[in-house]
Amino acid sequence: GAYTIPVHTMVWLGSVLMVAAILLA
């Protein structure tokens, strides 16, 4: 995502991915 998605979008999307990973685990 960091190298394919616009930075402004990836800032919040990266946080969403991290929270989703924590909840999944």
PDBML (XML) file of the C-alpha atoms, coordinates in Angstrom:
<?xml version="1.0" encoding="UTF-8" ?>
<PDBx:datablock datablockName="MODEL"
   xmlns:PDBx="http://pdbml.pdb.org/schema/pdbx-v50.xsd"
   xmlns:xsi="http://www.w3.org/2001/XMLSchema-instance"
   xsi:schemaLocation="http://pdbml.pdb.org/schema/pdbx-v50.xsd pdbx-v50.xsd">
   <PDBx:atom_siteCategory>
      <PDBx:atom_site id="1">
         <PDBx:B_iso_or_equiv>0.00</PDBx:B_iso_or_equiv>
         <PDBx:Cartn_x>0.000</PDBx:Cartn_x>
         <PDBx:Cartn_y>0.000</PDBx:Cartn_y>
         <PDBx:Cartn_z>0.000</PDBx:Cartn_z>
         <PDBx:auth_asym_id>A</PDBx:auth_asym_id>
         <PDBx:auth_atom_id>CA</PDBx:auth_atom_id>
         <PDBx:auth_comp_id>GLY</PDBx:auth_comp_id>
         <PDBx:auth_seq_id>1</PDBx:auth_seq_id>
         <PDBx:group_PDB>ATOM</PDBx:group_PDB>
         <PDBx:label_alt_id xsi:nil="true" />
         <PDBx:label_asym_id>A</PDBx:label_asym_id>
         <PDBx:label_atom_id>CA</PDBx:label_atom_id>
         <PDBx:label_comp_id>GLY</PDBx:label_comp_id>
         <PDBx:label_entity_id>1</PDBx:label_entity_id>
         <PDBx:label_seq_id>1</PDBx:label_seq_id>
         <PDBx:occupancy>1.00</PDBx:occupancy>
         <PDBx:pdbx_PDB_model_num>1</PDBx:pdbx_PDB_model_num>
         <PDBx:type_symbol>C</PDBx:type_symbol>
      </PDBx:atom_site>
      <PDBx:atom_site id="2">
         <PDBx:B_iso_or_equiv>0.00</PDBx:B_iso_or_equiv>
         <PDBx:Cartn_x>2.817</PDBx:Cartn_x>
         <PDBx:Cartn_y>2.427</PDBx:Cartn_y>
         <PDBx:Cartn_z>0.810</PDBx:Cartn_z>
         <PDBx:auth_asym_id>A</PDBx:auth_asym_id>
         <PDBx:auth_atom_id>CA</PDBx:auth_atom_id>
         <PDBx:auth_comp_id>ALA</PDBx:auth_comp_id>
         <PDBx:auth_seq_id>2</PDBx:auth_seq_id>
         <PDBx:group_PDB>ATOM</PDBx:group_PDB>
         <PDBx:label_alt_id xsi:nil="true" />
         <PDBx:label_asym_id>A</PDBx:label_asym_id>
         <PDBx:label_atom_id>CA</PDBx:label_atom_id>
         <PDBx:label_comp_id>ALA</PDBx:label_comp_id>
         <PDBx:label_entity_id>1</PDBx:label_entity_id>
         <PDBx:label_seq_id>2</PDBx:label_seq_id>
         <PDBx:occupancy>1.00</PDBx:occupancy>
         <PDBx:pdbx_PDB_model_num>1</PDBx:pdbx_PDB_model_num>
         <PDBx:type_symbol>C</PDBx:type_symbol>
      </PDBx:atom_site>
      <PDBx:atom_site id="3">
         <PDBx:B_iso_or_equiv>0.00</PDBx:B_iso_or_equiv>
         <PDBx:Cartn_x>4.093</PDBx:Cartn_x>
         <PDBx:Cartn_y>2.251</PDBx:Cartn_y>
         <PDBx:Cartn_z>-2.774</PDBx:Cartn_z>
         <PDBx:auth_asym_id>A</PDBx:auth_asym_id>
         <PDBx:auth_atom_id>CA</PDBx:auth_atom_id>
         <PDBx:auth_comp_id>TYR</PDBx:auth_comp_id>
         <PDBx:auth_seq_id>3</PDBx:auth_seq_id>
         <PDBx:group_PDB>ATOM</PDBx:group_PDB>
         <PDBx:label_alt_id xsi:nil="true" />
         <PDBx:label_asym_id>A</PDBx:label_asym_id>
         <PDBx:label_atom_id>CA</PDBx:label_atom_id>
         <PDBx:label_comp_id>TYR</PDBx:label_comp_id>
         <PDBx:label_entity_id>1</PDBx:label_entity_id>
         <PDBx:label_seq_id>3</PDBx:label_seq_id>
         <PDBx:occupancy>1.00</PDBx:occupancy>
         <PDBx:pdbx_PDB_model_num>1</PDBx:pdbx_PDB_model_num>
         <PDBx:type_symbol>C</PDBx:type_symbol>
      </PDBx:atom_site>
      <PDBx:atom_site id="4">
         <PDBx:B_iso_or_equiv>0.00</PDBx:B_iso_or_equiv>
         <PDBx:Cartn_x>0.812</PDBx:Cartn_x>
         <PDBx:Cartn_y>1.874</PDBx:Cartn_y>
         <PDBx:Cartn_z>-4.668</PDBx:Cartn_z>
         <PDBx:auth_asym_id>A</PDBx:auth_asym_id>
         <PDBx:auth_atom_id>CA</PDBx:auth_atom_id>
         <PDBx:auth_comp_id>THR</PDBx:auth_comp_id>
         <PDBx:auth_seq_id>4</PDBx:auth_seq_id>
         <PDBx:group_PDB>ATOM</PDBx:group_PDB>
         <PDBx:label_alt_id xsi:nil="true" />
         <PDBx:label_asym_id>A</PDBx:label_asym_id>
         <PDBx:label_atom_id>CA</PDBx:label_atom_id>
         <PDBx:label_comp_id>THR</PDBx:label_comp_id>
         <PDBx:label_entity_id>1</PDBx:label_entity_id>
         <PDBx:label_seq_id>4</PDBx:label_seq_id>
         <PDBx:occupancy>1.00</PDBx:occupancy>
         <PDBx:pdbx_PDB_model_num>1</PDBx:pdbx_PDB_model_num>
         <PDBx:type_symbol>C</PDBx:type_symbol>
      </PDBx:atom_site>
      <PDBx:atom_site id="5">
         <PDBx:B_iso_or_equiv>0.00</PDBx:B_iso_or_equiv>
         <PDBx:Cartn_x>-1.746</PDBx:Cartn_x>
         <PDBx:Cartn_y>4.029</PDBx:Cartn_y>
         <PDBx:Cartn_z>-2.815</PDBx:Cartn_z>
         <PDBx:auth_asym_id>A</PDBx:auth_asym_id>
         <PDBx:auth_atom_id>CA</PDBx:auth_atom_id>
         <PDBx:auth_comp_id>ILE</PDBx:auth_comp_id>
         <PDBx:auth_seq_id>5</PDBx:auth_seq_id>
         <PDBx:group_PDB>ATOM</PDBx:group_PDB>
         <PDBx:label_alt_id xsi:nil="true" />
         <PDBx:label_asym_id>A</PDBx:label_asym_id>
         <PDBx:label_atom_id>CA</PDBx:label_atom_id>
         <PDBx:label_comp_id>ILE</PDBx:label_comp_id>
         <PDBx:label_entity_id>1</PDBx:label_entity_id>
         <PDBx:label_seq_id>5</PDBx:label_seq_id>
         <PDBx:occupancy>1.00</PDBx:occupancy>
         <PDBx:pdbx_PDB_model_num>1</PDBx:pdbx_PDB_model_num>
         <PDBx:type_symbol>C</PDBx:type_symbol>
      </PDBx:atom_site>
      <PDBx:atom_site id="6">
         <PDBx:B_iso_or_equiv>0.00</PDBx:B_iso_or_equiv>
         <PDBx:Cartn_x>-1.637</PDBx:Cartn_x>
         <PDBx:Cartn_y>7.849</PDBx:Cartn_y>
         <PDBx:Cartn_z>-2.464</PDBx:Cartn_z>
         <PDBx:auth_asym_id>A</PDBx:auth_asym_id>
         <PDBx:auth_atom_id>CA</PDBx:auth_atom_id>
         <PDBx:auth_comp_id>PRO</PDBx:auth_comp_id>
         <PDBx:auth_seq_id>6</PDBx:auth_seq_id>
         <PDBx:group_PDB>ATOM</PDBx:group_PDB>
         <PDBx:label_alt_id xsi:nil="true" />
         <PDBx:label_asym_id>A</PDBx:label_asym_id>
         <PDBx:label_atom_id>CA</PDBx:label_atom_id>
         <PDBx:label_comp_id>PRO</PDBx:label_comp_id>
         <PDBx:label_entity_id>1</PDBx:label_entity_id>
         <PDBx:label_seq_id>6</PDBx:label_seq_id>
         <PDBx:occupancy>1.00</PDBx:occupancy>
         <PDBx:pdbx_PDB_model_num>1</PDBx:pdbx_PDB_model_num>
         <PDBx:type_symbol>C</PDBx:type_symbol>
      </PDBx:atom_site>
      <PDBx:atom_site id="7">
         <PDBx:B_iso_or_equiv>0.00</PDBx:B_iso_or_equiv>
         <PDBx:Cartn_x>0.197</PDBx:Cartn_x>
         <PDBx:Cartn_y>8.899</PDBx:Cartn_y>
         <PDBx:Cartn_z>0.709</PDBx:Cartn_z>
         <PDBx:auth_asym_id>A</PDBx:auth_asym_id>
         <PDBx:auth_atom_id>CA</PDBx:auth_atom_id>
         <PDBx:auth_comp_id>VAL</PDBx:auth_comp_id>
         <PDBx:auth_seq_id>7</PDBx:auth_seq_id>
         <PDBx:group_PDB>ATOM</PDBx:group_PDB>
         <PDBx:label_alt_id xsi:nil="true" />
         <PDBx:label_asym_id>A</PDBx:label_asym_id>
         <PDBx:label_atom_id>CA</PDBx:label_atom_id>
         <PDBx:label_comp_id>VAL</PDBx:label_comp_id>
         <PDBx:label_entity_id>1</PDBx:label_entity_id>
         <PDBx:label_seq_id>7</PDBx:label_seq_id>
         <PDBx:occupancy>1.00</PDBx:occupancy>
         <PDBx:pdbx_PDB_model_num>1</PDBx:pdbx_PDB_model_num>
         <PDBx:type_symbol>C</PDBx:type_symbol>
      </PDBx:atom_site>
      <PDBx:atom_site id="8">
         <PDBx:B_iso_or_equiv>0.00</PDBx:B_iso_or_equiv>
         <PDBx:Cartn_x>-2.719</PDBx:Cartn_x>
         <PDBx:Cartn_y>10.938</PDBx:Cartn_y>
         <PDBx:Cartn_z>2.037</PDBx:Cartn_z>
         <PDBx:auth_asym_id>A</PDBx:auth_asym_id>
         <PDBx:auth_atom_id>CA</PDBx:auth_atom_id>
         <PDBx:auth_comp_id>HIS</PDBx:auth_comp_id>
         <PDBx:auth_seq_id>8</PDBx:auth_seq_id>
         <PDBx:group_PDB>ATOM</PDBx:group_PDB>
         <PDBx:label_alt_id xsi:nil="true" />
         <PDBx:label_asym_id>A</PDBx:label_asym_id>
         <PDBx:label_atom_id>CA</PDBx:label_atom_id>
         <PDBx:label_comp_id>HIS</PDBx:label_comp_id>
         <PDBx:label_entity_id>1</PDBx:label_entity_id>
         <PDBx:label_seq_id>8</PDBx:label_seq_id>
         <PDBx:occupancy>1.00</PDBx:occupancy>
         <PDBx:pdbx_PDB_model_num>1</PDBx:pdbx_PDB_model_num>
         <PDBx:type_symbol>C</PDBx:type_symbol>
      </PDBx:atom_site>
      <PDBx:atom_site id="9">
         <PDBx:B_iso_or_equiv>0.00</PDBx:B_iso_or_equiv>
         <PDBx:Cartn_x>-4.947</PDBx:Cartn_x>
         <PDBx:Cartn_y>7.868</PDBx:Cartn_y>
         <PDBx:Cartn_z>1.795</PDBx:Cartn_z>
         <PDBx:auth_asym_id>A</PDBx:auth_asym_id>
         <PDBx:auth_atom_id>CA</PDBx:auth_atom_id>
         <PDBx:auth_comp_id>THR</PDBx:auth_comp_id>
         <PDBx:auth_seq_id>9</PDBx:auth_seq_id>
         <PDBx:group_PDB>ATOM</PDBx:group_PDB>
         <PDBx:label_alt_id xsi:nil="true" />
         <PDBx:label_asym_id>A</PDBx:label_asym_id>
         <PDBx:label_atom_id>CA</PDBx:label_atom_id>
         <PDBx:label_comp_id>THR</PDBx:label_comp_id>
         <PDBx:label_entity_id>1</PDBx:label_entity_id>
         <PDBx:label_seq_id>9</PDBx:label_seq_id>
         <PDBx:occupancy>1.00</PDBx:occupancy>
         <PDBx:pdbx_PDB_model_num>1</PDBx:pdbx_PDB_model_num>
         <PDBx:type_symbol>C</PDBx:type_symbol>
      </PDBx:atom_site>
      <PDBx:atom_site id="10">
         <PDBx:B_iso_or_equiv>0.00</PDBx:B_iso_or_equiv>
         <PDBx:Cartn_x>-2.391</PDBx:Cartn_x>
         <PDBx:Cartn_y>5.375</PDBx:Cartn_y>
         <PDBx:Cartn_z>3.052</PDBx:Cartn_z>
         <PDBx:auth_asym_id>A</PDBx:auth_asym_id>
         <PDBx:auth_atom_id>CA</PDBx:auth_atom_id>
         <PDBx:auth_comp_id>MET</PDBx:auth_comp_id>
         <PDBx:auth_seq_id>10</PDBx:auth_seq_id>
         <PDBx:group_PDB>ATOM</PDBx:group_PDB>
         <PDBx:label_alt_id xsi:nil="true" />
         <PDBx:label_asym_id>A</PDBx:label_asym_id>
         <PDBx:label_atom_id>CA</PDBx:label_atom_id>
         <PDBx:label_comp_id>MET</PDBx:label_comp_id>
         <PDBx:label_entity_id>1</PDBx:label_entity_id>
         <PDBx:label_seq_id>10</PDBx:label_seq_id>
         <PDBx:occupancy>1.00</PDBx:occupancy>
         <PDBx:pdbx_PDB_model_num>1</PDBx:pdbx_PDB_model_num>
         <PDBx:type_symbol>C</PDBx:type_symbol>
      </PDBx:atom_site>
      <PDBx:atom_site id="11">
         <PDBx:B_iso_or_equiv>0.00</PDBx:B_iso_or_equiv>
         <PDBx:Cartn_x>-1.911</PDBx:Cartn_x>
         <PDBx:Cartn_y>7.311</PDBx:Cartn_y>
         <PDBx:Cartn_z>6.297</PDBx:Cartn_z>
         <PDBx:auth_asym_id>A</PDBx:auth_asym_id>
         <PDBx:auth_atom_id>CA</PDBx:auth_atom_id>
         <PDBx:auth_comp_id>VAL</PDBx:auth_comp_id>
         <PDBx:auth_seq_id>11</PDBx:auth_seq_id>
         <PDBx:group_PDB>ATOM</PDBx:group_PDB>
         <PDBx:label_alt_id xsi:nil="true" />
         <PDBx:label_asym_id>A</PDBx:label_asym_id>
         <PDBx:label_atom_id>CA</PDBx:label_atom_id>
         <PDBx:label_comp_id>VAL</PDBx:label_comp_id>
         <PDBx:label_entity_id>1</PDBx:label_entity_id>
         <PDBx:label_seq_id>11</PDBx:label_seq_id>
         <PDBx:occupancy>1.00</PDBx:occupancy>
         <PDBx:pdbx_PDB_model_num>1</PDBx:pdbx_PDB_model_num>
         <PDBx:type_symbol>C</PDBx:type_symbol>
      </PDBx:atom_site>
      <PDBx:atom_site id="12">
         <PDBx:B_iso_or_equiv>0.00</PDBx:B_iso_or_equiv>
         <PDBx:Cartn_x>-5.373</PDBx:Cartn_x>
         <PDBx:Cartn_y>6.379</PDBx:Cartn_y>
         <PDBx:Cartn_z>7.548</PDBx:Cartn_z>
         <PDBx:auth_asym_id>A</PDBx:auth_asym_id>
         <PDBx:auth_atom_id>CA</PDBx:auth_atom_id>
         <PDBx:auth_comp_id>TRP</PDBx:auth_comp_id>
         <PDBx:auth_seq_id>12</PDBx:auth_seq_id>
         <PDBx:group_PDB>ATOM</PDBx:group_PDB>
         <PDBx:label_alt_id xsi:nil="true" />
         <PDBx:label_asym_id>A</PDBx:label_asym_id>
         <PDBx:label_atom_id>CA</PDBx:label_atom_id>
         <PDBx:label_comp_id>TRP</PDBx:label_comp_id>
         <PDBx:label_entity_id>1</PDBx:label_entity_id>
         <PDBx:label_seq_id>12</PDBx:label_seq_id>
         <PDBx:occupancy>1.00</PDBx:occupancy>
         <PDBx:pdbx_PDB_model_num>1</PDBx:pdbx_PDB_model_num>
         <PDBx:type_symbol>C</PDBx:type_symbol>
      </PDBx:atom_site>
      <PDBx:atom_site id="13">
         <PDBx:B_iso_or_equiv>0.00</PDBx:B_iso_or_equiv>
         <PDBx:Cartn_x>-5.571</PDBx:Cartn_x>
         <PDBx:Cartn_y>3.109</PDBx:Cartn_y>
         <PDBx:Cartn_z>5.624</PDBx:Cartn_z>
         <PDBx:auth_asym_id>A</PDBx:auth_asym_id>
         <PDBx:auth_atom_id>CA</PDBx:auth_atom_id>
         <PDBx:auth_comp_id>LEU</PDBx:auth_comp_id>
         <PDBx:auth_seq_id>13</PDBx:auth_seq_id>
         <PDBx:group_PDB>ATOM</PDBx:group_PDB>
         <PDBx:label_alt_id xsi:nil="true" />
         <PDBx:label_asym_id>A</PDBx:label_asym_id>
         <PDBx:label_atom_id>CA</PDBx:label_atom_id>
         <PDBx:label_comp_id>LEU</PDBx:label_comp_id>
         <PDBx:label_entity_id>1</PDBx:label_entity_id>
         <PDBx:label_seq_id>13</PDBx:label_seq_id>
         <PDBx:occupancy>1.00</PDBx:occupancy>
         <PDBx:pdbx_PDB_model_num>1</PDBx:pdbx_PDB_model_num>
         <PDBx:type_symbol>C</PDBx:type_symbol>
      </PDBx:atom_site>
      <PDBx:atom_site id="14">
         <PDBx:B_iso_or_equiv>0.00</PDBx:B_iso_or_equiv>
         <PDBx:Cartn_x>-2.342</PDBx:Cartn_x>
         <PDBx:Cartn_y>1.899</PDBx:Cartn_y>
         <PDBx:Cartn_z>7.254</PDBx:Cartn_z>
         <PDBx:auth_asym_id>A</PDBx:auth_asym_id>
         <PDBx:auth_atom_id>CA</PDBx:auth_atom_id>
         <PDBx:auth_comp_id>GLY</PDBx:auth_comp_id>
         <PDBx:auth_seq_id>14</PDBx:auth_seq_id>
         <PDBx:group_PDB>ATOM</PDBx:group_PDB>
         <PDBx:label_alt_id xsi:nil="true" />
         <PDBx:label_asym_id>A</PDBx:label_asym_id>
         <PDBx:label_atom_id>CA</PDBx:label_atom_id>
         <PDBx:label_comp_id>GLY</PDBx:label_comp_id>
         <PDBx:label_entity_id>1</PDBx:label_entity_id>
         <PDBx:label_seq_id>14</PDBx:label_seq_id>
         <PDBx:occupancy>1.00</PDBx:occupancy>
         <PDBx:pdbx_PDB_model_num>1</PDBx:pdbx_PDB_model_num>
         <PDBx:type_symbol>C</PDBx:type_symbol>
      </PDBx:atom_site>
      <PDBx:atom_site id="15">
         <PDBx:B_iso_or_equiv>0.00</PDBx:B_iso_or_equiv>
         <PDBx:Cartn_x>-3.885</PDBx:Cartn_x>
         <PDBx:Cartn_y>2.491</PDBx:Cartn_y>
         <PDBx:Cartn_z>10.670</PDBx:Cartn_z>
         <PDBx:auth_asym_id>A</PDBx:auth_asym_id>
         <PDBx:auth_atom_id>CA</PDBx:auth_atom_id>
         <PDBx:auth_comp_id>SER</PDBx:auth_comp_id>
         <PDBx:auth_seq_id>15</PDBx:auth_seq_id>
         <PDBx:group_PDB>ATOM</PDBx:group_PDB>
         <PDBx:label_alt_id xsi:nil="true" />
         <PDBx:label_asym_id>A</PDBx:label_asym_id>
         <PDBx:label_atom_id>CA</PDBx:label_atom_id>
         <PDBx:label_comp_id>SER</PDBx:label_comp_id>
         <PDBx:label_entity_id>1</PDBx:label_entity_id>
         <PDBx:label_seq_id>15</PDBx:label_seq_id>
         <PDBx:occupancy>1.00</PDBx:occupancy>
         <PDBx:pdbx_PDB_model_num>1</PDBx:pdbx_PDB_model_num>
         <PDBx:type_symbol>C</PDBx:type_symbol>
      </PDBx:atom_site>
      <PDBx:atom_site id="16">
         <PDBx:B_iso_or_equiv>0.00</PDBx:B_iso_or_equiv>
         <PDBx:Cartn_x>-7.019</PDBx:Cartn_x>
         <PDBx:Cartn_y>0.616</PDBx:Cartn_y>
         <PDBx:Cartn_z>9.606</PDBx:Cartn_z>
         <PDBx:auth_asym_id>A</PDBx:auth_asym_id>
         <PDBx:auth_atom_id>CA</PDBx:auth_atom_id>
         <PDBx:auth_comp_id>VAL</PDBx:auth_comp_id>
         <PDBx:auth_seq_id>16</PDBx:auth_seq_id>
         <PDBx:group_PDB>ATOM</PDBx:group_PDB>
         <PDBx:label_alt_id xsi:nil="true" />
         <PDBx:label_asym_id>A</PDBx:label_asym_id>
         <PDBx:label_atom_id>CA</PDBx:label_atom_id>
         <PDBx:label_comp_id>VAL</PDBx:label_comp_id>
         <PDBx:label_entity_id>1</PDBx:label_entity_id>
         <PDBx:label_seq_id>16</PDBx:label_seq_id>
         <PDBx:occupancy>1.00</PDBx:occupancy>
         <PDBx:pdbx_PDB_model_num>1</PDBx:pdbx_PDB_model_num>
         <PDBx:type_symbol>C</PDBx:type_symbol>
      </PDBx:atom_site>
      <PDBx:atom_site id="17">
         <PDBx:B_iso_or_equiv>0.00</PDBx:B_iso_or_equiv>
         <PDBx:Cartn_x>-4.895</PDBx:Cartn_x>
         <PDBx:Cartn_y>-2.333</PDBx:Cartn_y>
         <PDBx:Cartn_z>8.449</PDBx:Cartn_z>
         <PDBx:auth_asym_id>A</PDBx:auth_asym_id>
         <PDBx:auth_atom_id>CA</PDBx:auth_atom_id>
         <PDBx:auth_comp_id>LEU</PDBx:auth_comp_id>
         <PDBx:auth_seq_id>17</PDBx:auth_seq_id>
         <PDBx:group_PDB>ATOM</PDBx:group_PDB>
         <PDBx:label_alt_id xsi:nil="true" />
         <PDBx:label_asym_id>A</PDBx:label_asym_id>
         <PDBx:label_atom_id>CA</PDBx:label_atom_id>
         <PDBx:label_comp_id>LEU</PDBx:label_comp_id>
         <PDBx:label_entity_id>1</PDBx:label_entity_id>
         <PDBx:label_seq_id>17</PDBx:label_seq_id>
         <PDBx:occupancy>1.00</PDBx:occupancy>
         <PDBx:pdbx_PDB_model_num>1</PDBx:pdbx_PDB_model_num>
         <PDBx:type_symbol>C</PDBx:type_symbol>
      </PDBx:atom_site>
      <PDBx:atom_site id="18">
         <PDBx:B_iso_or_equiv>0.00</PDBx:B_iso_or_equiv>
         <PDBx:Cartn_x>-3.035</PDBx:Cartn_x>
         <PDBx:Cartn_y>-2.394</PDBx:Cartn_y>
         <PDBx:Cartn_z>11.764</PDBx:Cartn_z>
         <PDBx:auth_asym_id>A</PDBx:auth_asym_id>
         <PDBx:auth_atom_id>CA</PDBx:auth_atom_id>
         <PDBx:auth_comp_id>MET</PDBx:auth_comp_id>
         <PDBx:auth_seq_id>18</PDBx:auth_seq_id>
         <PDBx:group_PDB>ATOM</PDBx:group_PDB>
         <PDBx:label_alt_id xsi:nil="true" />
         <PDBx:label_asym_id>A</PDBx:label_asym_id>
         <PDBx:label_atom_id>CA</PDBx:label_atom_id>
         <PDBx:label_comp_id>MET</PDBx:label_comp_id>
         <PDBx:label_entity_id>1</PDBx:label_entity_id>
         <PDBx:label_seq_id>18</PDBx:label_seq_id>
         <PDBx:occupancy>1.00</PDBx:occupancy>
         <PDBx:pdbx_PDB_model_num>1</PDBx:pdbx_PDB_model_num>
         <PDBx:type_symbol>C</PDBx:type_symbol>
      </PDBx:atom_site>
      <PDBx:atom_site id="19">
         <PDBx:B_iso_or_equiv>0.00</PDBx:B_iso_or_equiv>
         <PDBx:Cartn_x>-6.216</PDBx:Cartn_x>
         <PDBx:Cartn_y>-2.302</PDBx:Cartn_y>
         <PDBx:Cartn_z>13.855</PDBx:Cartn_z>
         <PDBx:auth_asym_id>A</PDBx:auth_asym_id>
         <PDBx:auth_atom_id>CA</PDBx:auth_atom_id>
         <PDBx:auth_comp_id>VAL</PDBx:auth_comp_id>
         <PDBx:auth_seq_id>19</PDBx:auth_seq_id>
         <PDBx:group_PDB>ATOM</PDBx:group_PDB>
         <PDBx:label_alt_id xsi:nil="true" />
         <PDBx:label_asym_id>A</PDBx:label_asym_id>
         <PDBx:label_atom_id>CA</PDBx:label_atom_id>
         <PDBx:label_comp_id>VAL</PDBx:label_comp_id>
         <PDBx:label_entity_id>1</PDBx:label_entity_id>
         <PDBx:label_seq_id>19</PDBx:label_seq_id>
         <PDBx:occupancy>1.00</PDBx:occupancy>
         <PDBx:pdbx_PDB_model_num>1</PDBx:pdbx_PDB_model_num>
         <PDBx:type_symbol>C</PDBx:type_symbol>
      </PDBx:atom_site>
      <PDBx:atom_site id="20">
         <PDBx:B_iso_or_equiv>0.00</PDBx:B_iso_or_equiv>
         <PDBx:Cartn_x>-7.811</PDBx:Cartn_x>
         <PDBx:Cartn_y>-4.957</PDBx:Cartn_y>
         <PDBx:Cartn_z>11.633</PDBx:Cartn_z>
         <PDBx:auth_asym_id>A</PDBx:auth_asym_id>
         <PDBx:auth_atom_id>CA</PDBx:auth_atom_id>
         <PDBx:auth_comp_id>ALA</PDBx:auth_comp_id>
         <PDBx:auth_seq_id>20</PDBx:auth_seq_id>
         <PDBx:group_PDB>ATOM</PDBx:group_PDB>
         <PDBx:label_alt_id xsi:nil="true" />
         <PDBx:label_asym_id>A</PDBx:label_asym_id>
         <PDBx:label_atom_id>CA</PDBx:label_atom_id>
         <PDBx:label_comp_id>ALA</PDBx:label_comp_id>
         <PDBx:label_entity_id>1</PDBx:label_entity_id>
         <PDBx:label_seq_id>20</PDBx:label_seq_id>
         <PDBx:occupancy>1.00</PDBx:occupancy>
         <PDBx:pdbx_PDB_model_num>1</PDBx:pdbx_PDB_model_num>
         <PDBx:type_symbol>C</PDBx:type_symbol>
      </PDBx:atom_site>
      <PDBx:atom_site id="21">
         <PDBx:B_iso_or_equiv>0.00</PDBx:B_iso_or_equiv>
         <PDBx:Cartn_x>-4.743</PDBx:Cartn_x>
         <PDBx:Cartn_y>-7.188</PDBx:Cartn_y>
         <PDBx:Cartn_z>12.045</PDBx:Cartn_z>
         <PDBx:auth_asym_id>A</PDBx:auth_asym_id>
         <PDBx:auth_atom_id>CA</PDBx:auth_atom_id>
         <PDBx:auth_comp_id>ALA</PDBx:auth_comp_id>
         <PDBx:auth_seq_id>21</PDBx:auth_seq_id>
         <PDBx:group_PDB>ATOM</PDBx:group_PDB>
         <PDBx:label_alt_id xsi:nil="true" />
         <PDBx:label_asym_id>A</PDBx:label_asym_id>
         <PDBx:label_atom_id>CA</PDBx:label_atom_id>
         <PDBx:label_comp_id>ALA</PDBx:label_comp_id>
         <PDBx:label_entity_id>1</PDBx:label_entity_id>
         <PDBx:label_seq_id>21</PDBx:label_seq_id>
         <PDBx:occupancy>1.00</PDBx:occupancy>
         <PDBx:pdbx_PDB_model_num>1</PDBx:pdbx_PDB_model_num>
         <PDBx:type_symbol>C</PDBx:type_symbol>
      </PDBx:atom_site>
      <PDBx:atom_site id="22">
         <PDBx:B_iso_or_equiv>0.00</PDBx:B_iso_or_equiv>
         <PDBx:Cartn_x>-4.842</PDBx:Cartn_x>
         <PDBx:Cartn_y>-6.814</PDBx:Cartn_y>
         <PDBx:Cartn_z>15.831</PDBx:Cartn_z>
         <PDBx:auth_asym_id>A</PDBx:auth_asym_id>
         <PDBx:auth_atom_id>CA</PDBx:auth_atom_id>
         <PDBx:auth_comp_id>ILE</PDBx:auth_comp_id>
         <PDBx:auth_seq_id>22</PDBx:auth_seq_id>
         <PDBx:group_PDB>ATOM</PDBx:group_PDB>
         <PDBx:label_alt_id xsi:nil="true" />
         <PDBx:label_asym_id>A</PDBx:label_asym_id>
         <PDBx:label_atom_id>CA</PDBx:label_atom_id>
         <PDBx:label_comp_id>ILE</PDBx:label_comp_id>
         <PDBx:label_entity_id>1</PDBx:label_entity_id>
         <PDBx:label_seq_id>22</PDBx:label_seq_id>
         <PDBx:occupancy>1.00</PDBx:occupancy>
         <PDBx:pdbx_PDB_model_num>1</PDBx:pdbx_PDB_model_num>
         <PDBx:type_symbol>C</PDBx:type_symbol>
      </PDBx:atom_site>
      <PDBx:atom_site id="23">
         <PDBx:B_iso_or_equiv>0.00</PDBx:B_iso_or_equiv>
         <PDBx:Cartn_x>-8.551</PDBx:Cartn_x>
         <PDBx:Cartn_y>-7.627</PDBx:Cartn_y>
         <PDBx:Cartn_z>15.963</PDBx:Cartn_z>
         <PDBx:auth_asym_id>A</PDBx:auth_asym_id>
         <PDBx:auth_atom_id>CA</PDBx:auth_atom_id>
         <PDBx:auth_comp_id>LEU</PDBx:auth_comp_id>
         <PDBx:auth_seq_id>23</PDBx:auth_seq_id>
         <PDBx:group_PDB>ATOM</PDBx:group_PDB>
         <PDBx:label_alt_id xsi:nil="true" />
         <PDBx:label_asym_id>A</PDBx:label_asym_id>
         <PDBx:label_atom_id>CA</PDBx:label_atom_id>
         <PDBx:label_comp_id>LEU</PDBx:label_comp_id>
         <PDBx:label_entity_id>1</PDBx:label_entity_id>
         <PDBx:label_seq_id>23</PDBx:label_seq_id>
         <PDBx:occupancy>1.00</PDBx:occupancy>
         <PDBx:pdbx_PDB_model_num>1</PDBx:pdbx_PDB_model_num>
         <PDBx:type_symbol>C</PDBx:type_symbol>
      </PDBx:atom_site>
      <PDBx:atom_site id="24">
         <PDBx:B_iso_or_equiv>0.00</PDBx:B_iso_or_equiv>
         <PDBx:Cartn_x>-8.093</PDBx:Cartn_x>
         <PDBx:Cartn_y>-10.616</PDBx:Cartn_y>
         <PDBx:Cartn_z>13.639</PDBx:Cartn_z>
         <PDBx:auth_asym_id>A</PDBx:auth_asym_id>
         <PDBx:auth_atom_id>CA</PDBx:auth_atom_id>
         <PDBx:auth_comp_id>LEU</PDBx:auth_comp_id>
         <PDBx:auth_seq_id>24</PDBx:auth_seq_id>
         <PDBx:group_PDB>ATOM</PDBx:group_PDB>
         <PDBx:label_alt_id xsi:nil="true" />
         <PDBx:label_asym_id>A</PDBx:label_asym_id>
         <PDBx:label_atom_id>CA</PDBx:label_atom_id>
         <PDBx:label_comp_id>LEU</PDBx:label_comp_id>
         <PDBx:label_entity_id>1</PDBx:label_entity_id>
         <PDBx:label_seq_id>24</PDBx:label_seq_id>
         <PDBx:occupancy>1.00</PDBx:occupancy>
         <PDBx:pdbx_PDB_model_num>1</PDBx:pdbx_PDB_model_num>
         <PDBx:type_symbol>C</PDBx:type_symbol>
      </PDBx:atom_site>
      <PDBx:atom_site id="25">
         <PDBx:B_iso_or_equiv>0.00</PDBx:B_iso_or_equiv>
         <PDBx:Cartn_x>-5.267</PDBx:Cartn_x>
         <PDBx:Cartn_y>-12.000</PDBx:Cartn_y>
         <PDBx:Cartn_z>15.770</PDBx:Cartn_z>
         <PDBx:auth_asym_id>A</PDBx:auth_asym_id>
         <PDBx:auth_atom_id>CA</PDBx:auth_atom_id>
         <PDBx:auth_comp_id>ALA</PDBx:auth_comp_id>
         <PDBx:auth_seq_id>25</PDBx:auth_seq_id>
         <PDBx:group_PDB>ATOM</PDBx:group_PDB>
         <PDBx:label_alt_id xsi:nil="true" />
         <PDBx:label_asym_id>A</PDBx:label_asym_id>
         <PDBx:label_atom_id>CA</PDBx:label_atom_id>
         <PDBx:label_comp_id>ALA</PDBx:label_comp_id>
         <PDBx:label_entity_id>1</PDBx:label_entity_id>
         <PDBx:label_seq_id>25</PDBx:label_seq_id>
         <PDBx:occupancy>1.00</PDBx:occupancy>
         <PDBx:pdbx_PDB_model_num>1</PDBx:pdbx_PDB_model_num>
         <PDBx:type_symbol>C</PDBx:type_symbol>
      </PDBx:atom_site>
   </PDBx:atom_siteCategory>
</PDBx:datablock>
